[in-house]
């Protein structure tokens, strides 16, 4: 659904994304953290699953059904419900 020019702009970001994600996902987090990724997210899901497993006791992971990379739009009801439940717990 992106124009070709928009696609090229996103591809330019890819030059640094691997290192940025590695830095982000390799930290032990000391605050309650919830990763939510769409079940069809080809970009971040696998790495986020690993980060959640290695992130410590404060990190949890929820896979959003019927959603891709933009899971808060693809399945907004599920995303909102899980987000609110998380906020209420912390």
C-alpha atoms as a PDB file:
ATOM      1  CA  UNK A   1       0.000   0.000   0.000  1.00  0.00           C
ATOM      2  CA  UNK A   2       3.083   2.255  -0.001  1.00  0.00           C
ATOM      3  CA  UNK A   3       4.115   4.387  -2.914  1.00  0.00           C
ATOM      4  CA  UNK A   4       7.465   3.514  -4.424  1.00  0.00           C
ATOM      5  CA  UNK A   5       9.040   6.691  -2.992  1.00  0.00           C
ATOM      6  CA  UNK A   6       7.745   5.862   0.495  1.00  0.00           C
ATOM      7  CA  UNK A   7       9.071   2.337   0.152  1.00  0.00           C
ATOM      8  CA  UNK A   8      12.522   3.684  -0.723  1.00  0.00           C
ATOM      9  CA  UNK A   9      12.508   5.953   2.325  1.00  0.00           C
ATOM     10  CA  UNK A  10      11.708   2.988   4.573  1.00  0.00           C
ATOM     11  CA  UNK A  11      14.451   0.953   2.932  1.00  0.00           C
ATOM     12  CA  UNK A  12      16.977   3.689   3.755  1.00  0.00           C
ATOM     13  CA  UNK A  13      16.155   3.189   7.425  1.00  0.00           C
ATOM     14  CA  UNK A  14      17.166  -0.446   7.073  1.00  0.00           C
ATOM     15  CA  UNK A  15      20.825   0.483   7.010  1.00  0.00           C
ATOM     16  CA  UNK A  16      20.793   1.128  10.759  1.00  0.00           C
ATOM     17  CA  UNK A  17      17.813  -0.904  11.901  1.00  0.00           C
ATOM     18  CA  UNK A  18      19.714  -4.109  12.640  1.00  0.00           C
ATOM     19  CA  UNK A  19      22.073  -2.415  15.065  1.00  0.00           C
ATOM     20  CA  UNK A  20      19.289  -0.355  16.653  1.00  0.00           C
ATOM     21  CA  UNK A  21      17.135  -3.432  17.226  1.00  0.00           C
ATOM     22  CA  UNK A  22      20.055  -5.374  18.585  1.00  0.00           C
ATOM     23  CA  UNK A  23      20.718  -2.621  21.126  1.00  0.00           C
ATOM     24  CA  UNK A  24      17.065  -2.322  22.057  1.00  0.00           C
ATOM     25  CA  UNK A  25      16.333  -6.014  22.402  1.00  0.00           C
ATOM     26  CA  UNK A  26      19.562  -6.992  24.172  1.00  0.00           C
ATOM     27  CA  UNK A  27      18.942  -5.032  27.366  1.00  0.00           C
ATOM     28  CA  UNK A  28      17.759  -6.428  30.673  1.00  0.00           C
ATOM     29  CA  UNK A  29      14.806  -4.226  31.476  1.00  0.00           C
ATOM     30  CA  UNK A  30      14.131  -3.128  35.019  1.00  0.00           C
ATOM     31  CA  UNK A  31      10.643  -1.758  34.410  1.00  0.00           C
ATOM     32  CA  UNK A  32       7.449  -3.597  33.443  1.00  0.00           C
ATOM     33  CA  UNK A  33       7.625  -4.025  29.682  1.00  0.00           C
ATOM     34  CA  UNK A  34       5.110  -5.508  27.275  1.00  0.00           C
ATOM     35  CA  UNK A  35       6.053  -6.416  23.733  1.00  0.00           C
ATOM     36  CA  UNK A  36       3.027  -6.780  21.466  1.00  0.00           C
ATOM     37  CA  UNK A  37       3.618  -7.993  17.967  1.00  0.00           C
ATOM     38  CA  UNK A  38       1.248  -9.126  15.251  1.00  0.00           C
ATOM     39  CA  UNK A  39       1.298 -12.812  14.434  1.00  0.00           C
ATOM     40  CA  UNK A  40       2.130 -11.915  10.829  1.00  0.00           C
ATOM     41  CA  UNK A  41       4.856  -9.372  11.632  1.00  0.00           C
ATOM     42  CA  UNK A  42       7.763 -10.483   9.458  1.00  0.00           C
ATOM     43  CA  UNK A  43      10.007  -7.670  10.636  1.00  0.00           C
ATOM     44  CA  UNK A  44      10.186  -7.904  14.432  1.00  0.00           C
ATOM     45  CA  UNK A  45       8.234 -10.883  15.784  1.00  0.00           C
ATOM     46  CA  UNK A  46      11.030 -13.442  15.980  1.00  0.00           C
ATOM     47  CA  UNK A  47      13.485 -11.026  17.583  1.00  0.00           C
ATOM     48  CA  UNK A  48      10.867  -9.710  20.022  1.00  0.00           C
ATOM     49  CA  UNK A  49      10.045 -13.256  21.145  1.00  0.00           C
ATOM     50  CA  UNK A  50      13.707 -13.849  21.926  1.00  0.00           C
ATOM     51  CA  UNK A  51      13.989 -10.478  23.679  1.00  0.00           C
ATOM     52  CA  UNK A  52      10.971 -11.306  25.839  1.00  0.00           C
ATOM     53  CA  UNK A  53      12.509 -14.636  26.842  1.00  0.00           C
ATOM     54  CA  UNK A  54      15.858 -13.051  27.666  1.00  0.00           C
ATOM     55  CA  UNK A  55      14.587  -9.726  28.999  1.00  0.00           C
ATOM     56  CA  UNK A  56      14.104 -10.683  32.607  1.00  0.00           C
ATOM     57  CA  UNK A  57      11.165 -11.047  34.957  1.00  0.00           C
ATOM     58  CA  UNK A  58       9.710  -7.644  34.109  1.00  0.00           C
ATOM     59  CA  UNK A  59       9.210  -8.431  30.408  1.00  0.00           C
ATOM     60  CA  UNK A  60       6.224 -10.133  28.836  1.00  0.00           C
ATOM     61  CA  UNK A  61       5.119 -10.793  25.279  1.00  0.00           C
ATOM     62  CA  UNK A  62       1.720 -11.007  23.624  1.00  0.00           C
ATOM     63  CA  UNK A  63       1.204 -12.027  20.006  1.00  0.00           C
ATOM     64  CA  UNK A  64      -1.731 -10.179  18.458  1.00  0.00           C
ATOM     65  CA  UNK A  65      -3.871 -12.483  16.307  1.00  0.00           C
ATOM     66  CA  UNK A  66      -4.970 -11.431  12.818  1.00  0.00           C
ATOM     67  CA  UNK A  67      -2.368  -8.668  12.709  1.00  0.00           C
ATOM     68  CA  UNK A  68       0.817  -7.779  10.944  1.00  0.00           C
ATOM     69  CA  UNK A  69       3.494  -5.225  11.740  1.00  0.00           C
ATOM     70  CA  UNK A  70       0.979  -2.487  12.592  1.00  0.00           C
ATOM     71  CA  UNK A  71      -0.892  -4.616  15.110  1.00  0.00           C
ATOM     72  CA  UNK A  72      -2.506  -1.657  16.901  1.00  0.00           C
ATOM     73  CA  UNK A  73      -4.338  -0.866  13.657  1.00  0.00           C
ATOM     74  CA  UNK A  74      -4.856  -4.393  12.298  1.00  0.00           C
ATOM     75  CA  UNK A  75      -6.520  -5.670  15.481  1.00  0.00           C
ATOM     76  CA  UNK A  76      -7.155  -2.569  17.555  1.00  0.00           C
ATOM     77  CA  UNK A  77      -9.750  -4.116  19.902  1.00  0.00           C
ATOM     78  CA  UNK A  78      -7.375  -6.872  20.996  1.00  0.00           C
ATOM     79  CA  UNK A  79      -4.447  -4.459  21.213  1.00  0.00           C
ATOM     80  CA  UNK A  80      -6.394  -1.960  23.319  1.00  0.00           C
ATOM     81  CA  UNK A  81      -7.777  -4.616  25.666  1.00  0.00           C
ATOM     82  CA  UNK A  82      -4.363  -6.153  26.331  1.00  0.00           C
ATOM     83  CA  UNK A  83      -2.744  -2.720  26.723  1.00  0.00           C
ATOM     84  CA  UNK A  84      -5.318  -1.604  29.281  1.00  0.00           C
ATOM     85  CA  UNK A  85      -4.972  -4.884  31.209  1.00  0.00           C
ATOM     86  CA  UNK A  86      -1.189  -4.384  31.286  1.00  0.00           C
ATOM     87  CA  UNK A  87      -1.495  -0.778  32.493  1.00  0.00           C
ATOM     88  CA  UNK A  88      -3.942  -1.812  35.202  1.00  0.00           C
ATOM     89  CA  UNK A  89      -1.503  -4.459  36.453  1.00  0.00           C
ATOM     90  CA  UNK A  90       1.415  -2.064  36.692  1.00  0.00           C
END
